[in-house]
Amino acid sequence: MSKYLNFESYLVDCFPLLNSILESIGENDENIIWKSLMHVFILHKKDSILIGQCTSKELELTEKESLLLRGGGVYIRILSEYVNIYGKCYIREALGPLIRKIAKGNSLEVDPCRIKSDNPQELQENRQKLCKACQKIFNLIISSTQQIPIRVKQVFWELNDRIGKNFPNSFNRIIGAFFFLRFICPAIVHPEHYGILNDCSIESRRKLTLVTKLLQNIANESILEEKEPYMTFFNDFVKMNIEKLPTLCEKLLDTTQSDKEMVEFKKNKVLDDLTSSIYNFTKERFDTIKHKLELHSLEKSKEIIDVVNKIVEETDLSLAEEEDRRNQRSFARRRSTTPVRSEVVSPIRLSTPTGSKPPRRSSVDSALGSRISRKSSTDSSPYNNGRGTKIPRLPSVDTAISSVKVPTYDSITGTKKDPEIIFDPDTSLTSSRDKSPHSRKSVPSIVGAPLFNFVRNRLSTTK
């Protein structure tokens, strides 16, 4: 089910709203707007209404007969796109082989300035070949009109009904000019866009361009002017084929054998994508569209505006709810695919396990140059660096403190003593020859840096 169903249903049935949207589309707006509008009407099988409205508006806005169906407005662009969508298969199947043959054939150059050969007969030969190629393709178009899809001929019906009222004496010329200018000639000049050729070289495109020059002059019922003097040679050829133009126009209106339907659309997602561009454009340009509605239908403008406002509110709410549901599904999908991490709290160890690293030394030890044990894979001796070199053991804090001669006093005589403190590197205890209570045994094995600095300063003072 389409998300914009209410908007679509109202749009394809409300002619004032359709005309207001079409008139609000400027020449600088993106083509996706009017292309989406056309496809929405096709998918709702209301394309005949759109074609009728575009044909009527194009004829109303054209004052001169010579400018009819030759502008670049939105109405003529919709008609041209519609014809090319449904007629592309006809171009590829009916005209494709001959177009491919002309593109890959010999040169058709008739401009003396472009001919590189010195052969004077080449110009005359190329003229004959160009007339022959153009005649073949013109005859093929007349004989294959029964293969043109009925949707393409529908455009010519609409033009026939309305041209007779505005320009009664110009039907053949207007129909022929639109048929060749908007449908046949673009396919011949750009065969790569229609699946006829994979690539078109400069030489091939030049040959096809010369063919379209003659065909377009036949459709316009006009002779070649002096603007291109080398083309005036073909005026007799053009006049001869202008007489066949009424036959072609009659066959374009014949629908007895036109039963081909070449275009199919996937209705669900494609329709939503197409309608979203029209819906957003309507919201952005709603002030302009509202002004157009008030100009065209004063009585129904308020009713149409109220209906559109209500539809926009309901659609926006529905789109917001759909977005929330989509976000929830996306979040649930991501959560289901993300592995859950198990949080395991390790127990507190009160003792160092076997094989673990010993605790780091204190900052005081590090600052004073603690002993670094370097072991080799072959020699575990703390005095071996692994390369056979003996490294002396650095003194620890205990060694540094115990190596200091601390002055002591005899408790009986009060005389000053200077005992010799000896540090045994193989043990963590100190021994002294002096059995005084002030010996080094009473000094703790780990002393803070402040105490060490204090002792060092006192020593330097006493000396």
Protein backbone atom coordinates (compact mmCIF):
# COMPACT_ATOMS: atom_id res chain seq x y z
CA MET A 1 0.00 0.00 0.00
CA SER A 2 1.36 3.40 -0.97
CA LYS A 3 2.29 5.83 1.80
CA TYR A 4 0.90 8.68 -0.29
CA LEU A 5 -2.31 6.99 -1.37
CA ASN A 6 -4.63 9.79 -0.23
CA PHE A 7 -2.49 12.42 -1.92
CA GLU A 8 -2.27 10.42 -5.16
CA SER A 9 -5.98 9.70 -5.31
CA TYR A 10 -6.89 13.34 -4.82
CA LEU A 11 -4.24 14.60 -7.26
CA VAL A 12 -5.27 12.43 -10.23
CA ASP A 13 -8.95 13.45 -9.82
CA CYS A 14 -8.56 17.16 -9.08
CA PHE A 15 -7.88 19.05 -12.31
CA PRO A 16 -7.44 22.48 -10.65
CA LEU A 17 -4.77 21.09 -8.33
CA LEU A 18 -3.04 19.37 -11.26
CA ASN A 19 -3.02 22.56 -13.34
CA SER A 20 -1.77 24.61 -10.40
CA ILE A 21 1.13 22.23 -9.79
CA LEU A 22 2.02 22.20 -13.50
CA GLU A 23 1.99 25.99 -13.66
CA SER A 24 4.19 26.20 -10.55
CA ILE A 25 6.93 24.13 -12.19
CA GLY A 26 9.53 26.49 -13.62
CA GLU A 27 12.08 25.88 -16.36
CA ASN A 28 14.88 25.75 -13.77
CA ASP A 29 13.17 23.12 -11.63
CA GLU A 30 14.41 19.56 -11.75
CA ASN A 31 12.96 17.29 -14.42
CA ILE A 32 12.15 14.71 -11.75
CA ILE A 33 9.10 16.74 -10.73
CA TRP A 34 7.18 16.64 -14.01
CA LYS A 35 8.53 13.18 -14.88
CA SER A 36 7.24 11.84 -11.57
CA LEU A 37 3.90 13.51 -12.15
CA MET A 38 3.61 11.85 -15.53
CA HIS A 39 4.51 8.40 -14.20
CA VAL A 40 2.04 8.67 -11.32
CA PHE A 41 -0.78 9.32 -13.79
CA ILE A 42 0.41 6.41 -15.94
CA LEU A 43 0.43 4.02 -12.98
CA HIS A 44 -3.06 5.15 -11.97
CA LYS A 45 -4.19 4.72 -15.60
CA LYS A 46 -5.16 8.37 -15.76
CA ASP A 47 -2.49 9.38 -18.28
CA SER A 48 -5.11 10.32 -20.89
CA ILE A 49 -6.29 13.06 -18.51
CA LEU A 50 -2.77 14.39 -18.09
CA ILE A 51 -2.11 14.36 -21.84
CA GLY A 52 -5.38 16.18 -22.49
CA GLN A 53 -4.57 18.85 -19.91
CA CYS A 54 -1.04 19.37 -21.24
CA THR A 55 -2.25 19.59 -24.84
CA SER A 56 -4.93 22.13 -23.96
CA LYS A 57 -2.53 24.28 -21.94
CA GLU A 58 0.13 24.19 -24.66
CA LEU A 59 -2.35 25.36 -27.27
CA GLU A 60 -3.73 28.07 -24.96
CA LEU A 61 -0.29 29.50 -24.23
CA THR A 62 0.82 29.53 -27.89
CA GLU A 63 -0.29 32.57 -29.85
CA LYS A 64 1.63 32.03 -33.07
CA GLU A 65 1.15 28.97 -35.19
CA SER A 66 4.84 28.80 -36.03
CA LEU A 67 5.72 28.38 -32.32
CA LEU A 68 3.20 25.62 -31.59
CA LEU A 69 4.78 22.55 -29.94
CA ARG A 70 8.26 24.02 -30.37
CA GLY A 71 8.90 25.59 -26.96
CA GLY A 72 10.57 24.17 -23.88
CA GLY A 73 7.77 24.53 -21.34
CA VAL A 74 6.64 21.84 -18.94
CA TYR A 75 3.63 20.85 -21.07
CA ILE A 76 5.62 20.12 -24.23
CA ARG A 77 8.26 18.33 -22.16
CA ILE A 78 5.63 16.00 -20.69
CA LEU A 79 4.18 15.26 -24.12
CA SER A 80 7.64 14.57 -25.58
CA GLU A 81 8.67 12.33 -22.71
CA TYR A 82 5.41 10.43 -22.86
CA VAL A 83 5.80 9.75 -26.60
CA ASN A 84 9.40 8.61 -26.17
CA ILE A 85 8.60 6.29 -23.25
CA TYR A 86 5.97 4.36 -25.17
CA GLY A 87 7.57 4.70 -28.60
CA LYS A 88 11.12 3.62 -27.78
CA CYS A 89 10.43 -0.01 -28.64
CA TYR A 90 8.97 1.02 -32.00
CA ILE A 91 12.09 3.01 -32.80
CA ARG A 92 14.38 0.15 -31.80
CA GLU A 93 12.46 -2.64 -33.55
CA ALA A 94 11.07 -0.96 -36.67
CA LEU A 95 13.68 1.70 -37.49
CA GLY A 96 16.73 0.40 -35.63
CA PRO A 97 18.19 -1.88 -38.34
CA LEU A 98 18.04 0.83 -41.02
CA ILE A 99 19.46 3.51 -38.68
CA ARG A 100 22.32 1.16 -37.80
CA LYS A 101 23.01 0.48 -41.48
CA ILE A 102 23.14 4.19 -42.34
CA ALA A 103 25.43 4.94 -39.38
CA LYS A 104 27.89 2.22 -40.35
CA GLY A 105 27.68 2.84 -44.09
CA ASN A 106 29.67 5.03 -46.45
CA SER A 107 30.02 8.78 -46.11
CA LEU A 108 27.02 10.98 -46.93
CA GLU A 109 28.83 14.30 -46.64
CA VAL A 110 27.42 16.96 -49.00
CA ASP A 111 29.24 20.02 -47.66
CA PRO A 112 32.11 20.77 -50.08
CA CYS A 113 34.10 22.29 -47.21
CA ARG A 114 34.04 18.96 -45.33
CA ILE A 115 34.91 16.68 -48.24
CA LYS A 116 38.59 15.82 -48.08
CA SER A 117 38.83 13.92 -51.35
CA ASP A 118 39.92 15.59 -54.61
CA ASN A 119 37.47 13.47 -56.60
CA PRO A 120 34.90 15.88 -58.15
CA GLN A 121 32.40 13.05 -58.48
CA GLU A 122 32.29 12.32 -54.74
CA LEU A 123 30.01 15.27 -53.95
CA GLN A 124 27.43 14.19 -56.53
CA GLU A 125 27.61 10.57 -55.37
CA ASN A 126 27.09 11.57 -51.75
CA ARG A 127 24.03 13.65 -52.67
CA GLN A 128 22.46 10.69 -54.37
CA LYS A 129 23.28 8.40 -51.46
CA LEU A 130 21.80 10.88 -48.95
CA CYS A 131 18.54 11.16 -50.93
CA LYS A 132 18.36 7.39 -51.16
CA ALA A 133 18.95 6.87 -47.41
CA CYS A 134 16.42 9.53 -46.45
CA GLN A 135 13.81 8.11 -48.84
CA LYS A 136 14.23 4.64 -47.39
CA ILE A 137 13.68 5.75 -43.84
CA PHE A 138 10.73 8.01 -44.75
CA ASN A 139 9.00 5.18 -46.61
CA LEU A 140 9.72 2.82 -43.72
CA ILE A 141 8.07 5.20 -41.26
CA ILE A 142 4.93 5.43 -43.40
CA SER A 143 4.70 1.66 -43.84
CA SER A 144 5.30 0.85 -40.16
CA THR A 145 2.82 3.22 -38.49
CA GLN A 146 0.67 0.26 -37.49
CA GLN A 147 3.48 -0.76 -35.11
CA ILE A 148 3.36 2.55 -33.25
CA PRO A 149 1.81 1.93 -29.79
CA ILE A 150 -1.66 3.27 -29.17
CA ARG A 151 -0.40 5.44 -26.29
CA VAL A 152 1.74 7.40 -28.75
CA LYS A 153 -1.18 7.87 -31.12
CA GLN A 154 -3.26 9.06 -28.21
CA VAL A 155 -1.18 12.25 -28.18
CA PHE A 156 -2.03 12.84 -31.83
CA TRP A 157 -5.74 12.34 -31.10
CA GLU A 158 -5.59 15.05 -28.47
CA LEU A 159 -3.74 17.35 -30.84
CA ASN A 160 -6.24 16.61 -33.60
CA ASP A 161 -9.23 17.54 -31.42
CA ARG A 162 -7.75 20.81 -30.23
CA ILE A 163 -5.76 21.96 -33.25
CA GLY A 164 -8.90 21.87 -35.36
CA LYS A 165 -10.42 24.54 -33.10
CA ASN A 166 -7.41 26.85 -32.88
CA PHE A 167 -5.54 26.24 -36.15
CA PRO A 168 -7.91 24.42 -38.52
CA ASN A 169 -5.72 24.69 -41.64
CA SER A 170 -2.45 23.50 -40.15
CA PHE A 171 -3.16 20.01 -38.87
CA ASN A 172 -0.79 18.06 -41.16
CA ARG A 173 2.09 20.40 -40.66
CA ILE A 174 1.72 20.64 -36.86
CA ILE A 175 1.28 16.89 -36.41
CA GLY A 176 4.15 16.11 -38.75
CA ALA A 177 6.44 18.64 -37.12
CA PHE A 178 5.75 17.29 -33.63
CA PHE A 179 6.11 13.66 -34.78
CA PHE A 180 9.54 14.21 -36.34
CA LEU A 181 10.90 16.97 -34.09
CA ARG A 182 10.02 15.30 -30.75
CA PHE A 183 10.05 11.62 -31.63
CA ILE A 184 11.75 10.44 -34.84
CA CYS A 185 14.67 12.85 -35.31
CA PRO A 186 16.03 12.62 -31.72
CA ALA A 187 16.11 8.84 -32.04
CA ILE A 188 17.99 9.00 -35.35
CA VAL A 189 20.58 11.53 -34.13
CA HIS A 190 21.13 9.75 -30.78
CA PRO A 191 20.75 6.02 -31.49
CA GLU A 192 22.81 5.09 -28.43
CA HIS A 193 19.98 6.36 -26.19
CA TYR A 194 17.53 3.93 -27.77
CA GLY A 195 19.66 0.80 -27.71
CA ILE A 196 20.35 0.87 -31.44
CA LEU A 197 24.10 1.49 -31.14
CA ASN A 198 26.43 1.11 -28.19
CA ASP A 199 28.44 4.12 -29.28
CA CYS A 200 28.08 6.65 -32.07
CA SER A 201 31.20 8.13 -33.64
CA ILE A 202 31.47 11.68 -34.97
CA GLU A 203 31.34 10.45 -38.58
CA SER A 204 28.25 8.33 -37.92
CA ARG A 205 26.45 11.16 -36.14
CA ARG A 206 27.19 13.48 -39.03
CA LYS A 207 25.54 11.08 -41.48
CA LEU A 208 22.47 10.72 -39.27
CA THR A 209 22.25 14.49 -38.77
CA LEU A 210 22.12 15.07 -42.54
CA VAL A 211 19.25 12.58 -42.80
CA THR A 212 17.27 14.35 -40.06
CA LYS A 213 17.75 17.73 -41.79
CA LEU A 214 15.83 16.48 -44.80
CA LEU A 215 13.16 14.70 -42.74
CA GLN A 216 12.48 17.75 -40.59
CA ASN A 217 12.07 20.00 -43.62
CA ILE A 218 9.61 17.53 -45.09
CA ALA A 219 7.62 17.60 -41.85
CA ASN A 220 7.71 21.40 -41.68
CA GLU A 221 6.59 21.65 -45.33
CA SER A 222 9.39 24.12 -45.94
CA ILE A 223 12.16 24.23 -48.48
CA LEU A 224 15.80 24.56 -47.54
CA GLU A 225 16.95 28.17 -47.33
CA GLU A 226 20.15 29.88 -48.30
CA LYS A 227 21.42 29.58 -44.71
CA GLU A 228 23.08 26.34 -45.78
CA PRO A 229 23.67 26.71 -49.52
CA TYR A 230 24.90 23.16 -49.99
CA MET A 231 21.46 21.89 -48.83
CA THR A 232 19.41 23.79 -51.43
CA PHE A 233 20.14 20.98 -53.87
CA PHE A 234 17.58 18.83 -52.00
CA ASN A 235 14.59 21.19 -52.34
CA ASP A 236 13.08 19.10 -55.14
CA PHE A 237 13.43 16.00 -53.01
CA VAL A 238 11.71 17.75 -50.09
CA LYS A 239 8.80 19.01 -52.21
CA MET A 240 8.21 15.54 -53.62
CA ASN A 241 7.88 13.97 -50.17
CA ILE A 242 5.77 16.78 -48.68
CA GLU A 243 2.92 15.37 -50.76
CA LYS A 244 3.12 12.14 -48.75
CA LEU A 245 2.76 13.91 -45.41
CA PRO A 246 -1.10 13.80 -45.27
CA THR A 247 -0.95 10.02 -45.71
CA LEU A 248 1.43 9.75 -42.77
CA CYS A 249 -0.77 11.93 -40.54
CA GLU A 250 -3.86 9.87 -41.34
CA LYS A 251 -2.06 6.68 -40.38
CA LEU A 252 -0.93 8.24 -37.12
CA LEU A 253 -4.59 8.58 -36.14
CA ASP A 254 -5.46 5.01 -37.16
CA THR A 255 -5.64 2.72 -34.13
CA THR A 256 -7.04 -0.42 -35.71
CA GLN A 257 -3.73 -2.29 -35.47
CA SER A 258 -1.96 -0.36 -32.72
CA ASP A 259 -2.25 -2.74 -29.82
CA LYS A 260 1.28 -2.84 -28.42
CA GLU A 261 1.94 -1.89 -24.83
CA MET A 262 5.68 -1.69 -24.28
CA VAL A 263 5.98 -0.08 -20.85
CA GLU A 264 5.56 -1.80 -17.50
CA PHE A 265 6.26 -0.41 -14.05
CA LYS A 266 6.66 -1.99 -10.64
CA LYS A 267 3.85 -0.27 -8.87
CA ASN A 268 4.71 -0.47 -5.19
CA LYS A 269 8.11 1.02 -4.43
CA VAL A 270 8.40 2.96 -7.68
CA LEU A 271 5.12 4.74 -7.06
CA ASP A 272 6.16 5.79 -3.56
CA ASP A 273 9.47 7.15 -4.84
CA LEU A 274 7.76 9.10 -7.62
CA THR A 275 5.00 10.49 -5.45
CA SER A 276 7.39 11.61 -2.73
CA SER A 277 9.02 14.14 -5.08
CA ILE A 278 5.62 15.59 -6.07
CA TYR A 279 4.48 15.61 -2.45
CA ASN A 280 7.59 17.46 -1.26
CA PHE A 281 7.33 19.91 -4.16
CA THR A 282 3.70 20.61 -3.28
CA LYS A 283 4.62 21.34 0.34
CA GLU A 284 7.51 23.62 -0.61
CA ARG A 285 5.56 25.57 -3.23
CA PHE A 286 2.19 25.47 -1.52
CA ASP A 287 1.89 29.26 -1.36
CA THR A 288 2.39 29.51 -5.12
CA ILE A 289 0.04 26.61 -5.78
CA LYS A 290 -2.56 28.18 -3.51
CA HIS A 291 -2.30 31.44 -5.44
CA LYS A 292 -2.78 29.58 -8.73
CA LEU A 293 -5.82 27.81 -7.33
CA GLU A 294 -7.40 31.07 -6.29
CA LEU A 295 -6.91 32.46 -9.80
CA HIS A 296 -8.39 29.49 -11.64
CA SER A 297 -11.21 28.33 -9.39
CA LEU A 298 -12.42 30.96 -6.96
CA GLU A 299 -15.38 28.91 -5.79
CA LYS A 300 -13.57 25.63 -5.13
CA SER A 301 -10.17 27.03 -4.15
CA LYS A 302 -10.91 27.16 -0.40
CA GLU A 303 -12.28 23.62 -0.41
CA ILE A 304 -9.28 22.29 -2.33
CA ILE A 305 -6.83 24.07 -0.05
CA ASP A 306 -8.51 22.67 3.07
CA VAL A 307 -8.47 19.15 1.66
CA VAL A 308 -4.80 19.41 0.70
CA ASN A 309 -3.88 20.75 4.15
CA LYS A 310 -5.69 17.87 5.82
CA ILE A 311 -4.07 15.29 3.55
CA VAL A 312 -0.62 16.78 4.21
CA GLU A 313 -1.13 16.65 7.99
CA GLU A 314 -2.31 13.03 7.90
CA THR A 315 0.50 12.00 5.55
CA ASP A 316 3.18 13.69 7.64
CA LEU A 317 1.88 11.96 10.76
CA SER A 318 1.84 8.61 8.99
CA LEU A 319 5.37 9.13 7.67
CA ALA A 320 6.61 10.08 11.15
CA GLU A 321 5.07 6.94 12.68
CA GLU A 322 6.58 4.82 9.92
CA GLU A 323 9.98 6.39 10.56
CA ASP A 324 9.70 5.59 14.29
CA ARG A 325 8.78 1.98 13.57
CA ARG A 326 11.68 1.68 11.14
CA ASN A 327 14.11 3.06 13.71
CA GLN A 328 12.83 0.66 16.36
CA ARG A 329 13.22 -2.31 14.02
CA SER A 330 16.71 -1.18 13.10
CA PHE A 331 17.66 -0.79 16.76
CA ALA A 332 16.26 -4.21 17.63
CA ARG A 333 18.10 -5.78 14.69
CA ARG A 334 21.40 -4.23 15.70
CA ARG A 335 20.90 -5.30 19.29
CA SER A 336 20.12 -8.88 18.32
CA THR A 337 23.25 -9.16 16.19
CA THR A 338 25.61 -7.54 18.76
CA PRO A 339 27.24 -10.11 21.13
CA VAL A 340 26.56 -9.52 24.82
CA ARG A 341 29.67 -9.13 26.98
CA SER A 342 29.62 -11.03 30.27
CA GLU A 343 30.78 -8.89 33.17
CA VAL A 344 32.78 -11.17 35.52
CA VAL A 345 34.10 -9.62 38.74
CA SER A 346 37.41 -11.19 39.66
CA PRO A 347 37.90 -11.97 43.37
CA ILE A 348 40.31 -9.88 45.43
CA ARG A 349 43.64 -11.64 45.88
CA LEU A 350 45.21 -11.19 49.29
CA SER A 351 48.48 -12.79 48.36
CA THR A 352 50.63 -12.76 45.26
CA PRO A 353 49.94 -15.88 43.21
CA THR A 354 52.70 -18.17 42.10
CA GLY A 355 54.38 -17.10 38.89
CA SER A 356 53.19 -13.49 39.04
CA LYS A 357 55.48 -10.49 38.96
CA PRO A 358 56.74 -9.14 42.28
CA PRO A 359 55.40 -5.79 43.40
CA ARG A 360 57.17 -2.72 42.11
CA ARG A 361 59.69 -0.92 44.28
CA SER A 362 58.80 2.23 46.06
CA SER A 363 59.34 5.61 44.48
CA VAL A 364 62.10 6.30 47.00
CA ASP A 365 64.03 3.25 45.81
CA SER A 366 63.63 4.33 42.21
CA ALA A 367 64.74 7.88 42.94
CA LEU A 368 67.87 6.76 44.74
CA GLY A 369 68.85 4.27 42.04
CA SER A 370 67.49 0.94 43.21
CA ARG A 371 69.28 -2.21 42.31
CA ILE A 372 68.10 -3.53 38.90
CA SER A 373 68.25 -7.25 38.53
CA ARG A 374 69.19 -8.21 34.96
CA LYS A 375 68.97 -11.87 34.20
CA SER A 376 70.04 -13.79 31.16
CA SER A 377 68.36 -16.87 29.73
CA THR A 378 71.59 -18.77 30.37
CA ASP A 379 72.88 -17.14 33.55
CA SER A 380 70.56 -16.16 36.36
CA SER A 381 73.30 -14.38 38.33
CA PRO A 382 72.37 -10.81 39.23
CA TYR A 383 75.96 -9.79 38.32
CA ASN A 384 75.70 -11.02 34.71
CA ASN A 385 74.05 -8.91 31.98
CA GLY A 386 73.73 -11.82 29.56
CA ARG A 387 76.83 -10.87 27.55
CA GLY A 388 79.42 -12.11 30.02
CA THR A 389 80.05 -8.68 31.56
CA LYS A 390 79.97 -8.30 35.34
CA ILE A 391 77.76 -5.45 36.45
CA PRO A 392 78.24 -4.21 39.98
CA ARG A 393 75.21 -4.27 42.15
CA LEU A 394 73.78 -0.81 42.75
CA PRO A 395 73.25 0.11 46.36
CA SER A 396 69.76 0.20 47.69
CA VAL A 397 68.39 2.68 50.20
CA ASP A 398 69.35 0.35 53.00
CA THR A 399 72.94 0.24 51.76
CA ALA A 400 73.15 3.99 51.32
CA ILE A 401 71.84 4.66 54.82
CA SER A 402 73.88 1.95 56.53
CA SER A 403 77.08 3.16 54.88
CA VAL A 404 76.80 6.53 56.63
CA LYS A 405 78.88 6.95 59.77
CA VAL A 406 76.46 8.26 62.35
CA PRO A 407 78.17 9.84 65.40
CA THR A 408 77.20 8.28 68.76
CA TYR A 409 77.94 9.12 72.44
CA ASP A 410 78.96 6.91 75.28
CA SER A 411 76.21 6.73 77.87
CA ILE A 412 78.71 6.65 80.78
CA THR A 413 81.50 8.99 79.85
CA GLY A 414 79.56 11.11 77.43
CA THR A 415 82.40 11.02 74.97
CA LYS A 416 81.74 11.08 71.24
CA LYS A 417 82.17 7.81 69.33
CA ASP A 418 82.39 7.08 65.59
CA PRO A 419 81.39 3.45 65.16
CA GLU A 420 81.99 1.71 61.85
CA ILE A 421 78.75 0.49 60.31
CA ILE A 422 79.19 -2.52 58.08
CA PHE A 423 76.58 -3.60 55.47
CA ASP A 424 76.44 -7.19 54.47
CA PRO A 425 75.21 -7.37 50.82
CA ASP A 426 74.22 -11.01 51.16
CA THR A 427 71.77 -10.25 53.94
CA SER A 428 69.16 -7.62 54.50
CA LEU A 429 70.44 -6.97 58.08
CA THR A 430 73.21 -4.68 59.19
CA SER A 431 75.83 -5.50 61.85
CA SER A 432 78.05 -3.22 63.91
CA ARG A 433 81.16 -3.73 65.98
CA ASP A 434 79.76 -1.19 68.34
CA LYS A 435 77.18 -2.61 70.71
CA SER A 436 75.90 0.86 71.48
CA PRO A 437 72.16 1.31 71.50
CA HIS A 438 72.71 3.96 68.84
CA SER A 439 74.11 1.44 66.41
CA ARG A 440 72.77 0.93 62.84
CA LYS A 441 70.65 -2.01 64.03
CA SER A 442 68.08 0.43 65.31
CA VAL A 443 67.79 2.09 61.87
CA PRO A 444 64.89 0.63 59.94
CA SER A 445 65.67 -1.15 56.66
CA ILE A 446 63.51 1.23 54.60
CA VAL A 447 63.86 4.96 55.27
CA GLY A 448 62.06 7.71 53.52
CA ALA A 449 63.80 10.27 51.40
CA PRO A 450 63.21 13.16 53.83
CA LEU A 451 65.09 11.34 56.59
CA PHE A 452 67.94 10.49 54.23
CA ASN A 453 68.28 14.11 53.18
CA PHE A 454 68.20 15.25 56.81
CA VAL A 455 71.01 12.86 57.79
CA ARG A 456 73.11 13.90 54.81
CA ASN A 457 72.71 17.60 55.67
CA ARG A 458 73.64 17.07 59.33
CA LEU A 459 76.76 15.17 58.36
CA SER A 460 77.95 17.93 56.10
CA THR A 461 77.28 20.44 58.95
CA THR A 462 79.22 18.51 61.59
CA LYS A 463 82.22 18.13 59.29
